Amino acid sequence: MNRIKELRNNQKISQTSLATKLDMPQNTISQWESGKRKPSRYAVKFLADYFKVSSDYLMGYEQ
């Protein structure tokens, strides 16, 4: 999920800070960004709302 990392870095938010906002471990964010895991639908919705992008953009379905 390179888009999560890209959006997070653009807003200068650490993985730890984002994990705190999502109430989950930091290593989960790391695994999403490395492609080892995919976020749940709830997490995708939260992330899309948080970063003000569409879910499709976040998941890499649109540019």
N, C-alpha and C. Protein backbone atom coordinates (compact mmCIF):
# COMPACT_ATOMS: atom_id res chain seq x y z
N MET A 1 0.83 -1.18 0.00
CA MET A 1 0.00 0.00 0.00
C MET A 1 0.88 1.25 0.00
N ASN A 2 1.53 1.46 -1.08
CA ASN A 2 2.42 2.62 -1.18
C ASN A 2 1.67 3.94 -1.06
N ARG A 3 0.38 3.94 -1.39
CA ARG A 3 -0.38 5.19 -1.30
C ARG A 3 -0.54 5.63 0.15
N ILE A 4 -0.70 4.68 1.05
CA ILE A 4 -0.79 5.06 2.46
C ILE A 4 0.50 5.74 2.88
N LYS A 5 1.61 5.14 2.52
CA LYS A 5 2.91 5.72 2.88
C LYS A 5 3.07 7.09 2.23
N GLU A 6 2.72 7.20 0.97
CA GLU A 6 2.83 8.46 0.25
C GLU A 6 1.99 9.55 0.92
N LEU A 7 0.74 9.24 1.21
CA LEU A 7 -0.14 10.22 1.85
C LEU A 7 0.34 10.57 3.26
N ARG A 8 0.77 9.56 3.98
CA ARG A 8 1.27 9.77 5.34
C ARG A 8 2.51 10.67 5.32
N ASN A 9 3.43 10.39 4.43
CA ASN A 9 4.66 11.20 4.33
C ASN A 9 4.36 12.62 3.87
N ASN A 10 3.42 12.77 2.94
CA ASN A 10 3.05 14.11 2.47
C ASN A 10 2.51 14.97 3.60
N GLN A 11 1.84 14.35 4.55
CA GLN A 11 1.29 15.10 5.67
C GLN A 11 2.19 15.05 6.90
N LYS A 12 3.38 14.45 6.72
CA LYS A 12 4.38 14.38 7.80
C LYS A 12 3.81 13.73 9.06
N ILE A 13 3.15 12.58 8.86
CA ILE A 13 2.58 11.81 9.96
C ILE A 13 3.39 10.53 10.08
N SER A 14 3.81 10.21 11.26
CA SER A 14 4.57 8.98 11.48
C SER A 14 3.63 7.78 11.48
N GLN A 15 4.20 6.61 11.28
CA GLN A 15 3.42 5.38 11.39
C GLN A 15 2.82 5.27 12.78
N THR A 16 3.58 5.62 13.78
CA THR A 16 3.11 5.53 15.16
C THR A 16 1.92 6.45 15.40
N SER A 17 1.99 7.67 14.89
CA SER A 17 0.90 8.62 15.05
C SER A 17 -0.37 8.12 14.35
N LEU A 18 -0.22 7.62 13.13
CA LEU A 18 -1.37 7.10 12.39
C LEU A 18 -1.95 5.88 13.10
N ALA A 19 -1.10 5.02 13.60
CA ALA A 19 -1.56 3.84 14.33
C ALA A 19 -2.35 4.24 15.58
N THR A 20 -1.90 5.28 16.25
CA THR A 20 -2.60 5.77 17.44
C THR A 20 -3.99 6.25 17.06
N LYS A 21 -4.10 6.98 15.95
CA LYS A 21 -5.39 7.48 15.49
C LYS A 21 -6.34 6.33 15.13
N LEU A 22 -5.76 5.23 14.61
CA LEU A 22 -6.56 4.06 14.24
C LEU A 22 -6.75 3.08 15.40
N ASP A 23 -6.07 3.35 16.51
CA ASP A 23 -6.11 2.48 17.69
C ASP A 23 -5.67 1.06 17.34
N MET A 24 -4.48 0.98 16.76
CA MET A 24 -3.91 -0.32 16.39
C MET A 24 -2.39 -0.25 16.49
N PRO A 25 -1.74 -1.41 16.45
CA PRO A 25 -0.28 -1.42 16.55
C PRO A 25 0.39 -0.78 15.33
N GLN A 26 1.53 -0.16 15.56
CA GLN A 26 2.29 0.49 14.49
C GLN A 26 2.72 -0.52 13.44
N ASN A 27 3.02 -1.75 13.85
CA ASN A 27 3.49 -2.73 12.88
C ASN A 27 2.41 -3.08 11.85
N THR A 28 1.15 -2.86 12.19
CA THR A 28 0.08 -3.08 11.21
C THR A 28 0.20 -2.08 10.07
N ILE A 29 0.46 -0.82 10.40
CA ILE A 29 0.67 0.20 9.37
C ILE A 29 1.86 -0.17 8.50
N SER A 30 2.92 -0.61 9.14
CA SER A 30 4.13 -1.03 8.43
C SER A 30 3.83 -2.18 7.47
N GLN A 31 3.04 -3.13 7.92
CA GLN A 31 2.69 -4.27 7.06
C GLN A 31 1.81 -3.85 5.89
N TRP A 32 0.92 -2.90 6.10
CA TRP A 32 0.12 -2.38 4.98
C TRP A 32 1.03 -1.74 3.95
N GLU A 33 1.93 -0.91 4.43
CA GLU A 33 2.81 -0.17 3.51
C GLU A 33 3.76 -1.09 2.77
N SER A 34 4.14 -2.18 3.37
CA SER A 34 5.06 -3.11 2.70
C SER A 34 4.33 -4.15 1.85
N GLY A 35 2.99 -4.17 1.93
CA GLY A 35 2.22 -5.12 1.15
C GLY A 35 2.06 -6.48 1.79
N LYS A 36 2.49 -6.62 3.03
CA LYS A 36 2.36 -7.92 3.71
C LYS A 36 0.94 -8.18 4.18
N ARG A 37 0.19 -7.12 4.40
CA ARG A 37 -1.22 -7.22 4.81
C ARG A 37 -2.01 -6.16 4.09
N LYS A 38 -3.33 -6.38 4.00
CA LYS A 38 -4.23 -5.38 3.44
C LYS A 38 -5.12 -4.85 4.56
N PRO A 39 -5.43 -3.56 4.52
CA PRO A 39 -6.31 -3.01 5.55
C PRO A 39 -7.74 -3.51 5.41
N SER A 40 -8.45 -3.58 6.52
CA SER A 40 -9.86 -3.96 6.50
C SER A 40 -10.68 -2.88 5.80
N ARG A 41 -11.90 -3.19 5.48
CA ARG A 41 -12.78 -2.20 4.86
C ARG A 41 -12.96 -0.99 5.77
N TYR A 42 -13.09 -1.24 7.06
CA TYR A 42 -13.23 -0.14 8.03
C TYR A 42 -11.99 0.75 7.98
N ALA A 43 -10.82 0.15 7.98
CA ALA A 43 -9.58 0.91 7.96
C ALA A 43 -9.45 1.70 6.67
N VAL A 44 -9.81 1.10 5.54
CA VAL A 44 -9.75 1.81 4.25
C VAL A 44 -10.67 3.02 4.29
N LYS A 45 -11.88 2.85 4.80
CA LYS A 45 -12.83 3.96 4.89
C LYS A 45 -12.28 5.07 5.79
N PHE A 46 -11.75 4.70 6.95
CA PHE A 46 -11.19 5.68 7.86
C PHE A 46 -10.01 6.42 7.21
N LEU A 47 -9.11 5.66 6.60
CA LEU A 47 -7.93 6.27 5.97
C LEU A 47 -8.34 7.20 4.83
N ALA A 48 -9.29 6.77 4.01
CA ALA A 48 -9.75 7.61 2.90
C ALA A 48 -10.35 8.91 3.42
N ASP A 49 -11.16 8.82 4.46
CA ASP A 49 -11.75 10.02 5.05
C ASP A 49 -10.66 10.90 5.68
N TYR A 50 -9.75 10.27 6.38
CA TYR A 50 -8.69 11.01 7.06
C TYR A 50 -7.82 11.78 6.07
N PHE A 51 -7.43 11.12 4.98
CA PHE A 51 -6.56 11.74 3.99
C PHE A 51 -7.33 12.50 2.89
N LYS A 52 -8.67 12.46 2.97
CA LYS A 52 -9.53 13.16 2.01
C LYS A 52 -9.28 12.70 0.57
N VAL A 53 -9.27 11.38 0.40
CA VAL A 53 -9.15 10.76 -0.92
C VAL A 53 -10.22 9.68 -1.02
N SER A 54 -10.43 9.16 -2.22
CA SER A 54 -11.41 8.08 -2.36
C SER A 54 -10.78 6.75 -1.94
N SER A 55 -11.63 5.82 -1.59
CA SER A 55 -11.16 4.48 -1.25
C SER A 55 -10.46 3.84 -2.44
N ASP A 56 -11.00 4.08 -3.65
CA ASP A 56 -10.37 3.52 -4.85
C ASP A 56 -8.97 4.07 -5.03
N TYR A 57 -8.78 5.35 -4.81
CA TYR A 57 -7.44 5.93 -4.93
C TYR A 57 -6.50 5.29 -3.90
N LEU A 58 -6.97 5.20 -2.68
CA LEU A 58 -6.16 4.66 -1.61
C LEU A 58 -5.71 3.22 -1.92
N MET A 59 -6.60 2.45 -2.52
CA MET A 59 -6.30 1.06 -2.83
C MET A 59 -5.55 0.89 -4.15
N GLY A 60 -5.33 2.00 -4.87
CA GLY A 60 -4.55 1.95 -6.10
C GLY A 60 -5.34 1.66 -7.35
N TYR A 61 -6.69 1.79 -7.27
CA TYR A 61 -7.52 1.51 -8.43
C TYR A 61 -7.67 2.70 -9.37
N GLU A 62 -7.32 3.86 -8.91
CA GLU A 62 -7.38 5.05 -9.76
C GLU A 62 -6.19 5.94 -9.45
N GLN A 63 -5.90 6.83 -10.40
CA GLN A 63 -4.76 7.73 -10.23
C GLN A 63 -5.25 9.05 -9.88
